[in-house]
Amino acid sequence: MKPSITRRHFLETASLAGAGLSLALPQLASAGDGNGTASAVGAGTDKPVVLGGKPLCGSLPTWPIFDQTEEKAVLDTLHSGKWYRG
């Protein structure tokens, strides 16, 4: 008969797997892809950006992005006086 997985067993296994991956990640990153370049997983992970490390990506776009369509829809709603479907 197949044993059933309990919540306790699942959490134990998941935490052990996470700990094992975190311990193995530096070795995987330093191994590279075989042609002398570092793998994408460990690229630039010597220091965090806060401590002067290299950022992984450029600047992120500002959010939310509105144009005249959304602005007109909001203004139409404000001017209509109908704030709900009732």
PDB file of N, CA and C in Angstrom:
ATOM      1  N   MET A   1       0.846  -1.170   0.000  1.00  0.00           N
ATOM      2  CA  MET A   1       0.000   0.000   0.000  1.00  0.00           C
ATOM      3  C   MET A   1       0.900   1.246   0.000  1.00  0.00           C
ATOM      4  N   LYS A   2       0.495   2.255  -0.759  1.00  0.00           N
ATOM      5  CA  LYS A   2       1.256   3.486  -0.886  1.00  0.00           C
ATOM      6  C   LYS A   2       1.040   4.363   0.356  1.00  0.00           C
ATOM      7  N   PRO A   3       2.133   4.774   1.012  1.00  0.00           N
ATOM      8  CA  PRO A   3       1.952   5.608   2.211  1.00  0.00           C
ATOM      9  C   PRO A   3       1.435   7.000   1.844  1.00  0.00           C
ATOM     10  N   SER A   4       0.552   7.527   2.675  1.00  0.00           N
ATOM     11  CA  SER A   4       0.032   8.867   2.412  1.00  0.00           C
ATOM     12  C   SER A   4       1.005   9.911   2.949  1.00  0.00           C
ATOM     13  N   ILE A   5       1.084  11.014   2.253  1.00  0.00           N
ATOM     14  CA  ILE A   5       1.980  12.095   2.659  1.00  0.00           C
ATOM     15  C   ILE A   5       1.234  12.999   3.633  1.00  0.00           C
ATOM     16  N   THR A   6       1.845  13.232   4.772  1.00  0.00           N
ATOM     17  CA  THR A   6       1.252  14.143   5.740  1.00  0.00           C
ATOM     18  C   THR A   6       1.818  15.534   5.523  1.00  0.00           C
ATOM     19  N   ARG A   7       1.171  16.508   6.078  1.00  0.00           N
ATOM     20  CA  ARG A   7       1.642  17.887   5.970  1.00  0.00           C
ATOM     21  C   ARG A   7       3.023  18.025   6.595  1.00  0.00           C
ATOM     22  N   ARG A   8       3.233  17.372   7.714  1.00  0.00           N
ATOM     23  CA  ARG A   8       4.513  17.437   8.404  1.00  0.00           C
ATOM     24  C   ARG A   8       5.631  16.854   7.531  1.00  0.00           C
ATOM     25  N   HIS A   9       5.352  15.710   6.906  1.00  0.00           N
ATOM     26  CA  HIS A   9       6.350  15.083   6.045  1.00  0.00           C
ATOM     27  C   HIS A   9       6.650  15.965   4.829  1.00  0.00           C
ATOM     28  N   PHE A  10       5.614  16.569   4.235  1.00  0.00           N
ATOM     29  CA  PHE A  10       5.806  17.445   3.091  1.00  0.00           C
ATOM     30  C   PHE A  10       6.669  18.650   3.456  1.00  0.00           C
ATOM     31  N   LEU A  11       6.353  19.317   4.578  1.00  0.00           N
ATOM     32  CA  LEU A  11       7.126  20.484   4.995  1.00  0.00           C
ATOM     33  C   LEU A  11       8.566  20.114   5.306  1.00  0.00           C
ATOM     34  N   GLU A  12       8.783  18.971   5.918  1.00  0.00           N
ATOM     35  CA  GLU A  12      10.136  18.517   6.224  1.00  0.00           C
ATOM     36  C   GLU A  12      10.933  18.286   4.937  1.00  0.00           C
ATOM     37  N   THR A  13      10.313  17.613   3.977  1.00  0.00           N
ATOM     38  CA  THR A  13      10.991  17.323   2.721  1.00  0.00           C
ATOM     39  C   THR A  13      11.260  18.606   1.937  1.00  0.00           C
ATOM     40  N   ALA A  14      10.284  19.505   1.898  1.00  0.00           N
ATOM     41  CA  ALA A  14      10.452  20.745   1.152  1.00  0.00           C
ATOM     42  C   ALA A  14      11.544  21.616   1.767  1.00  0.00           C
ATOM     43  N   SER A  15      11.614  21.677   3.092  1.00  0.00           N
ATOM     44  CA  SER A  15      12.641  22.505   3.715  1.00  0.00           C
ATOM     45  C   SER A  15      14.021  21.897   3.516  1.00  0.00           C
ATOM     46  N   LEU A  16      14.120  20.578   3.554  1.00  0.00           N
ATOM     47  CA  LEU A  16      15.410  19.943   3.298  1.00  0.00           C
ATOM     48  C   LEU A  16      15.853  20.141   1.850  1.00  0.00           C
ATOM     49  N   ALA A  17      14.920  20.081   0.919  1.00  0.00           N
ATOM     50  CA  ALA A  17      15.258  20.304  -0.484  1.00  0.00           C
ATOM     51  C   ALA A  17      15.719  21.739  -0.702  1.00  0.00           C
ATOM     52  N   GLY A  18      15.046  22.698  -0.067  1.00  0.00           N
ATOM     53  CA  GLY A  18      15.460  24.093  -0.196  1.00  0.00           C
ATOM     54  C   GLY A  18      16.831  24.341   0.393  1.00  0.00           C
ATOM     55  N   ALA A  19      17.098  23.738   1.548  1.00  0.00           N
ATOM     56  CA  ALA A  19      18.411  23.898   2.162  1.00  0.00           C
ATOM     57  C   ALA A  19      19.492  23.258   1.305  1.00  0.00           C
ATOM     58  N   GLY A  20      19.200  22.114   0.739  1.00  0.00           N
ATOM     59  CA  GLY A  20      20.174  21.450  -0.120  1.00  0.00           C
ATOM     60  C   GLY A  20      20.476  22.259  -1.365  1.00  0.00           C
ATOM     61  N   LEU A  21      19.456  22.848  -1.964  1.00  0.00           N
ATOM     62  CA  LEU A  21      19.686  23.684  -3.144  1.00  0.00           C
ATOM     63  C   LEU A  21      20.482  24.933  -2.805  1.00  0.00           C
ATOM     64  N   SER A  22      20.185  25.545  -1.663  1.00  0.00           N
ATOM     65  CA  SER A  22      20.924  26.757  -1.299  1.00  0.00           C
ATOM     66  C   SER A  22      22.384  26.450  -1.008  1.00  0.00           C
ATOM     67  N   LEU A  23      22.668  25.261  -0.510  1.00  0.00           N
ATOM     68  CA  LEU A  23      24.058  24.882  -0.268  1.00  0.00           C
ATOM     69  C   LEU A  23      24.770  24.506  -1.565  1.00  0.00           C
ATOM     70  N   ALA A  24      24.053  23.960  -2.529  1.00  0.00           N
ATOM     71  CA  ALA A  24      24.665  23.528  -3.780  1.00  0.00           C
ATOM     72  C   ALA A  24      24.754  24.637  -4.815  1.00  0.00           C
ATOM     73  N   LEU A  25      24.011  25.719  -4.647  1.00  0.00           N
ATOM     74  CA  LEU A  25      23.968  26.774  -5.650  1.00  0.00           C
ATOM     75  C   LEU A  25      25.323  27.409  -5.924  1.00  0.00           C
ATOM     76  N   PRO A  26      26.146  27.742  -4.921  1.00  0.00           N
ATOM     77  CA  PRO A  26      27.452  28.332  -5.243  1.00  0.00           C
ATOM     78  C   PRO A  26      28.335  27.401  -6.082  1.00  0.00           C
ATOM     79  N   GLN A  27      28.284  26.108  -5.834  1.00  0.00           N
ATOM     80  CA  GLN A  27      29.085  25.182  -6.625  1.00  0.00           C
ATOM     81  C   GLN A  27      28.561  25.099  -8.056  1.00  0.00           C
ATOM     82  N   LEU A  28      27.246  25.130  -8.216  1.00  0.00           N
ATOM     83  CA  LEU A  28      26.675  25.097  -9.551  1.00  0.00           C
ATOM     84  C   LEU A  28      27.016  26.362 -10.321  1.00  0.00           C
ATOM     85  N   ALA A  29      27.001  27.502  -9.646  1.00  0.00           N
ATOM     86  CA  ALA A  29      27.288  28.773 -10.304  1.00  0.00           C
ATOM     87  C   ALA A  29      28.753  28.864 -10.693  1.00  0.00           C
ATOM     88  N   SER A  30      29.648  28.364  -9.860  1.00  0.00           N
ATOM     89  CA  SER A  30      31.076  28.467 -10.177  1.00  0.00           C
ATOM     90  C   SER A  30      31.484  27.467 -11.245  1.00  0.00           C
ATOM     91  N   ALA A  31      30.695  26.420 -11.445  1.00  0.00           N
ATOM     92  CA  ALA A  31      31.030  25.433 -12.468  1.00  0.00           C
ATOM     93  C   ALA A  31      30.887  26.013 -13.862  1.00  0.00           C
ATOM     94  N   GLY A  32      29.952  26.949 -14.048  1.00  0.00           N
ATOM     95  CA  GLY A  32      29.754  27.574 -15.345  1.00  0.00           C
ATOM     96  C   GLY A  32      29.116  26.625 -16.331  1.00  0.00           C
ATOM     97  N   ASP A  33      29.241  26.995 -17.623  1.00  0.00           N
ATOM     98  CA  ASP A  33      28.625  26.155 -18.648  1.00  0.00           C
ATOM     99  C   ASP A  33      29.658  25.363 -19.437  1.00  0.00           C
ATOM    100  N   GLY A  34      30.901  25.319 -18.981  1.00  0.00           N
ATOM    101  CA  GLY A  34      31.897  24.490 -19.623  1.00  0.00           C
ATOM    102  C   GLY A  34      32.792  25.214 -20.598  1.00  0.00           C
ATOM    103  N   ASN A  35      32.436  26.437 -21.021  1.00  0.00           N
ATOM    104  CA  ASN A  35      33.285  27.141 -21.966  1.00  0.00           C
ATOM    105  C   ASN A  35      33.915  28.394 -21.358  1.00  0.00           C
ATOM    106  N   GLY A  36      34.054  28.422 -20.053  1.00  0.00           N
ATOM    107  CA  GLY A  36      34.756  29.515 -19.403  1.00  0.00           C
ATOM    108  C   GLY A  36      33.885  30.657 -18.940  1.00  0.00           C
ATOM    109  N   THR A  37      32.597  30.625 -19.242  1.00  0.00           N
ATOM    110  CA  THR A  37      31.721  31.702 -18.797  1.00  0.00           C
ATOM    111  C   THR A  37      30.879  31.222 -17.641  1.00  0.00           C
ATOM    112  N   ALA A  38      30.508  32.136 -16.781  1.00  0.00           N
ATOM    113  CA  ALA A  38      29.678  31.788 -15.625  1.00  0.00           C
ATOM    114  C   ALA A  38      28.265  31.521 -16.081  1.00  0.00           C
ATOM    115  N   SER A  39      27.573  30.694 -15.360  1.00  0.00           N
ATOM    116  CA  SER A  39      26.183  30.406 -15.700  1.00  0.00           C
ATOM    117  C   SER A  39      25.307  31.595 -15.330  1.00  0.00           C
ATOM    118  N   ALA A  40      24.120  31.642 -15.886  1.00  0.00           N
ATOM    119  CA  ALA A  40      23.207  32.752 -15.628  1.00  0.00           C
ATOM    120  C   ALA A  40      22.717  32.758 -14.194  1.00  0.00           C
ATOM    121  N   VAL A  41      22.735  31.591 -13.532  1.00  0.00           N
ATOM    122  CA  VAL A  41      22.246  31.516 -12.168  1.00  0.00           C
ATOM    123  C   VAL A  41      23.149  32.295 -11.231  1.00  0.00           C
ATOM    124  N   GLY A  42      24.445  32.198 -11.408  1.00  0.00           N
ATOM    125  CA  GLY A  42      25.357  32.818 -10.471  1.00  0.00           C
ATOM    126  C   GLY A  42      26.015  34.079 -10.979  1.00  0.00           C
ATOM    127  N   ALA A  43      25.564  34.622 -12.094  1.00  0.00           N
ATOM    128  CA  ALA A  43      26.212  35.787 -12.680  1.00  0.00           C
ATOM    129  C   ALA A  43      26.050  37.002 -11.770  1.00  0.00           C
ATOM    130  N   GLY A  44      27.150  37.572 -11.353  1.00  0.00           N
ATOM    131  CA  GLY A  44      27.125  38.803 -10.571  1.00  0.00           C
ATOM    132  C   GLY A  44      26.625  38.646  -9.157  1.00  0.00           C
ATOM    133  N   THR A  45      26.752  37.489  -8.551  1.00  0.00           N
ATOM    134  CA  THR A  45      26.215  37.290  -7.213  1.00  0.00           C
ATOM    135  C   THR A  45      27.284  37.396  -6.136  1.00  0.00           C
ATOM    136  N   ASP A  46      28.417  38.016  -6.441  1.00  0.00           N
ATOM    137  CA  ASP A  46      29.446  38.179  -5.426  1.00  0.00           C
ATOM    138  C   ASP A  46      28.964  39.082  -4.298  1.00  0.00           C
ATOM    139  N   LYS A  47      28.336  40.190  -4.646  1.00  0.00           N
ATOM    140  CA  LYS A  47      27.822  41.144  -3.663  1.00  0.00           C
ATOM    141  C   LYS A  47      26.392  41.515  -4.032  1.00  0.00           C
ATOM    142  N   PRO A  48      25.574  41.802  -3.047  1.00  0.00           N
ATOM    143  CA  PRO A  48      24.251  42.349  -3.362  1.00  0.00           C
ATOM    144  C   PRO A  48      24.382  43.768  -3.921  1.00  0.00           C
ATOM    145  N   VAL A  49      23.403  44.207  -4.649  1.00  0.00           N
ATOM    146  CA  VAL A  49      23.426  45.548  -5.237  1.00  0.00           C
ATOM    147  C   VAL A  49      23.527  46.607  -4.150  1.00  0.00           C
ATOM    148  N   VAL A  50      22.883  46.378  -3.018  1.00  0.00           N
ATOM    149  CA  VAL A  50      22.899  47.340  -1.919  1.00  0.00           C
ATOM    150  C   VAL A  50      24.325  47.580  -1.426  1.00  0.00           C
ATOM    151  N   LEU A  51      25.165  46.543  -1.508  1.00  0.00           N
ATOM    152  CA  LEU A  51      26.542  46.660  -1.036  1.00  0.00           C
ATOM    153  C   LEU A  51      27.529  46.944  -2.162  1.00  0.00           C
ATOM    154  N   GLY A  52      27.030  47.362  -3.323  1.00  0.00           N
ATOM    155  CA  GLY A  52      27.906  47.745  -4.415  1.00  0.00           C
ATOM    156  C   GLY A  52      28.065  46.710  -5.502  1.00  0.00           C
ATOM    157  N   GLY A  53      27.263  45.664  -5.491  1.00  0.00           N
ATOM    158  CA  GLY A  53      27.334  44.640  -6.525  1.00  0.00           C
ATOM    159  C   GLY A  53      26.700  45.101  -7.821  1.00  0.00           C
ATOM    160  N   LYS A  54      26.882  44.312  -8.857  1.00  0.00           N
ATOM    161  CA  LYS A  54      26.344  44.647 -10.167  1.00  0.00           C
ATOM    162  C   LYS A  54      24.853  44.293 -10.224  1.00  0.00           C
ATOM    163  N   PRO A  55      23.991  45.217 -10.683  1.00  0.00           N
ATOM    164  CA  PRO A  55      22.566  44.899 -10.796  1.00  0.00           C
ATOM    165  C   PRO A  55      22.333  43.870 -11.906  1.00  0.00           C
ATOM    166  N   LEU A  56      21.326  43.027 -11.732  1.00  0.00           N
ATOM    167  CA  LEU A  56      21.037  42.003 -12.715  1.00  0.00           C
ATOM    168  C   LEU A  56      20.284  42.539 -13.919  1.00  0.00           C
ATOM    169  N   CYS A  57      19.560  43.629 -13.753  1.00  0.00           N
ATOM    170  CA  CYS A  57      18.823  44.198 -14.873  1.00  0.00           C
ATOM    171  C   CYS A  57      18.883  45.719 -14.777  1.00  0.00           C
ATOM    172  N   GLY A  58      18.468  46.364 -15.835  1.00  0.00           N
ATOM    173  CA  GLY A  58      18.455  47.823 -15.855  1.00  0.00           C
ATOM    174  C   GLY A  58      17.290  48.366 -15.057  1.00  0.00           C
ATOM    175  N   SER A  59      16.931  49.589 -15.334  1.00  0.00           N
ATOM    176  CA  SER A  59      15.829  50.195 -14.599  1.00  0.00           C
ATOM    177  C   SER A  59      14.508  49.558 -15.025  1.00  0.00           C
ATOM    178  N   LEU A  60      13.618  49.438 -14.086  1.00  0.00           N
ATOM    179  CA  LEU A  60      12.310  48.869 -14.351  1.00  0.00           C
ATOM    180  C   LEU A  60      11.359  49.967 -14.812  1.00  0.00           C
ATOM    181  N   PRO A  61      10.381  49.631 -15.640  1.00  0.00           N
ATOM    182  CA  PRO A  61       9.436  50.651 -16.084  1.00  0.00           C
ATOM    183  C   PRO A  61       8.572  51.123 -14.920  1.00  0.00           C
ATOM    184  N   THR A  62       8.169  52.363 -14.982  1.00  0.00           N
ATOM    185  CA  THR A  62       7.288  52.888 -13.943  1.00  0.00           C
ATOM    186  C   THR A  62       5.919  52.260 -14.100  1.00  0.00           C
ATOM    187  N   TRP A  63       5.239  52.153 -13.011  1.00  0.00           N
ATOM    188  CA  TRP A  63       3.935  51.509 -13.023  1.00  0.00           C
ATOM    189  C   TRP A  63       2.980  52.306 -12.195  1.00  0.00           C
ATOM    190  N   PRO A  64       1.767  52.408 -12.482  1.00  0.00           N
ATOM    191  CA  PRO A  64       1.087  51.941 -13.687  1.00  0.00           C
ATOM    192  C   PRO A  64       1.281  52.913 -14.845  1.00  0.00           C
ATOM    193  N   ILE A  65       1.110  52.408 -16.038  1.00  0.00           N
ATOM    194  CA  ILE A  65       1.240  53.236 -17.236  1.00  0.00           C
ATOM    195  C   ILE A  65      -0.162  53.618 -17.688  1.00  0.00           C
ATOM    196  N   PHE A  66      -0.435  54.908 -17.698  1.00  0.00           N
ATOM    197  CA  PHE A  66      -1.725  55.423 -18.122  1.00  0.00           C
ATOM    198  C   PHE A  66      -1.558  56.190 -19.417  1.00  0.00           C
ATOM    199  N   ASP A  67      -2.549  56.104 -20.256  1.00  0.00           N
ATOM    200  CA  ASP A  67      -2.574  56.975 -21.424  1.00  0.00           C
ATOM    201  C   ASP A  67      -3.913  57.724 -21.430  1.00  0.00           C
ATOM    202  N   GLN A  68      -4.215  58.393 -22.525  1.00  0.00           N
ATOM    203  CA  GLN A  68      -5.415  59.219 -22.574  1.00  0.00           C
ATOM    204  C   GLN A  68      -6.693  58.385 -22.480  1.00  0.00           C
ATOM    205  N   THR A  69      -6.649  57.118 -22.907  1.00  0.00           N
ATOM    206  CA  THR A  69      -7.848  56.276 -22.850  1.00  0.00           C
ATOM    207  C   THR A  69      -8.282  56.043 -21.409  1.00  0.00           C
ATOM    208  N   GLU A  70      -7.342  55.634 -20.551  1.00  0.00           N
ATOM    209  CA  GLU A  70      -7.679  55.402 -19.143  1.00  0.00           C
ATOM    210  C   GLU A  70      -8.046  56.694 -18.435  1.00  0.00           C
ATOM    211  N   GLU A  71      -7.341  57.754 -18.765  1.00  0.00           N
ATOM    212  CA  GLU A  71      -7.628  59.044 -18.136  1.00  0.00           C
ATOM    213  C   GLU A  71      -9.033  59.520 -18.488  1.00  0.00           C
ATOM    214  N   LYS A  72      -9.433  59.354 -19.734  1.00  0.00           N
ATOM    215  CA  LYS A  72     -10.776  59.747 -20.156  1.00  0.00           C
ATOM    216  C   LYS A  72     -11.830  58.894 -19.457  1.00  0.00           C
ATOM    217  N   ALA A  73     -11.577  57.572 -19.312  1.00  0.00           N
ATOM    218  CA  ALA A  73     -12.544  56.690 -18.658  1.00  0.00           C
ATOM    219  C   ALA A  73     -12.734  57.079 -17.196  1.00  0.00           C
ATOM    220  N   VAL A  74     -11.659  57.432 -16.517  1.00  0.00           N
ATOM    221  CA  VAL A  74     -11.763  57.840 -15.107  1.00  0.00           C
ATOM    222  C   VAL A  74     -12.515  59.161 -14.993  1.00  0.00           C
ATOM    223  N   LEU A  75     -12.193  60.107 -15.859  1.00  0.00           N
ATOM    224  CA  LEU A  75     -12.878  61.398 -15.810  1.00  0.00           C
ATOM    225  C   LEU A  75     -14.366  61.261 -16.155  1.00  0.00           C
ATOM    226  N   ASP A  76     -14.696  60.385 -17.134  1.00  0.00           N
ATOM    227  CA  ASP A  76     -16.105  60.158 -17.463  1.00  0.00           C
ATOM    228  C   ASP A  76     -16.859  59.582 -16.268  1.00  0.00           C
ATOM    229  N   THR A  77     -16.221  58.659 -15.547  1.00  0.00           N
ATOM    230  CA  THR A  77     -16.848  58.077 -14.359  1.00  0.00           C
ATOM    231  C   THR A  77     -17.039  59.124 -13.273  1.00  0.00           C
ATOM    232  N   LEU A  78     -16.022  59.952 -13.057  1.00  0.00           N
ATOM    233  CA  LEU A  78     -16.141  61.009 -12.045  1.00  0.00           C
ATOM    234  C   LEU A  78     -17.248  61.990 -12.372  1.00  0.00           C
ATOM    235  N   HIS A  79     -17.331  62.378 -13.622  1.00  0.00           N
ATOM    236  CA  HIS A  79     -18.327  63.389 -14.022  1.00  0.00           C
ATOM    237  C   HIS A  79     -19.729  62.810 -14.105  1.00  0.00           C
ATOM    238  N   SER A  80     -19.869  61.492 -14.272  1.00  0.00           N
ATOM    239  CA  SER A  80     -21.204  60.890 -14.408  1.00  0.00           C
ATOM    240  C   SER A  80     -21.942  60.853 -13.077  1.00  0.00           C
ATOM    241  N   GLY A  81     -21.227  60.757 -11.973  1.00  0.00           N
ATOM    242  CA  GLY A  81     -21.871  60.675 -10.667  1.00  0.00           C
ATOM    243  C   GLY A  81     -22.368  59.282 -10.324  1.00  0.00           C
ATOM    244  N   LYS A  82     -22.143  58.313 -11.182  1.00  0.00           N
ATOM    245  CA  LYS A  82     -22.567  56.934 -10.936  1.00  0.00           C
ATOM    246  C   LYS A  82     -21.338  56.130 -10.507  1.00  0.00           C
ATOM    247  N   TRP A  83     -21.217  55.897  -9.210  1.00  0.00           N
ATOM    248  CA  TRP A  83     -20.040  55.238  -8.671  1.00  0.00           C
ATOM    249  C   TRP A  83     -20.225  53.739  -8.521  1.00  0.00           C
ATOM    250  N   TYR A  84     -21.417  53.225  -8.800  1.00  0.00           N
ATOM    251  CA  TYR A  84     -21.672  51.808  -8.652  1.00  0.00           C
ATOM    252  C   TYR A  84     -22.752  51.415  -9.651  1.00  0.00           C
ATOM    253  N   ARG A  85     -23.031  50.124  -9.765  1.00  0.00           N
ATOM    254  CA  ARG A  85     -24.005  49.646 -10.751  1.00  0.00           C
ATOM    255  C   ARG A  85     -25.445  49.738 -10.272  1.00  0.00           C
ATOM    256  N   GLY A  86     -25.666  50.051  -9.026  1.00  0.00           N
ATOM    257  CA  GLY A  86     -27.015  50.047  -8.461  1.00  0.00           C
ATOM    258  C   GLY A  86     -27.945  51.087  -9.013  1.00  0.00           C
TER     259      GLY A  86
END
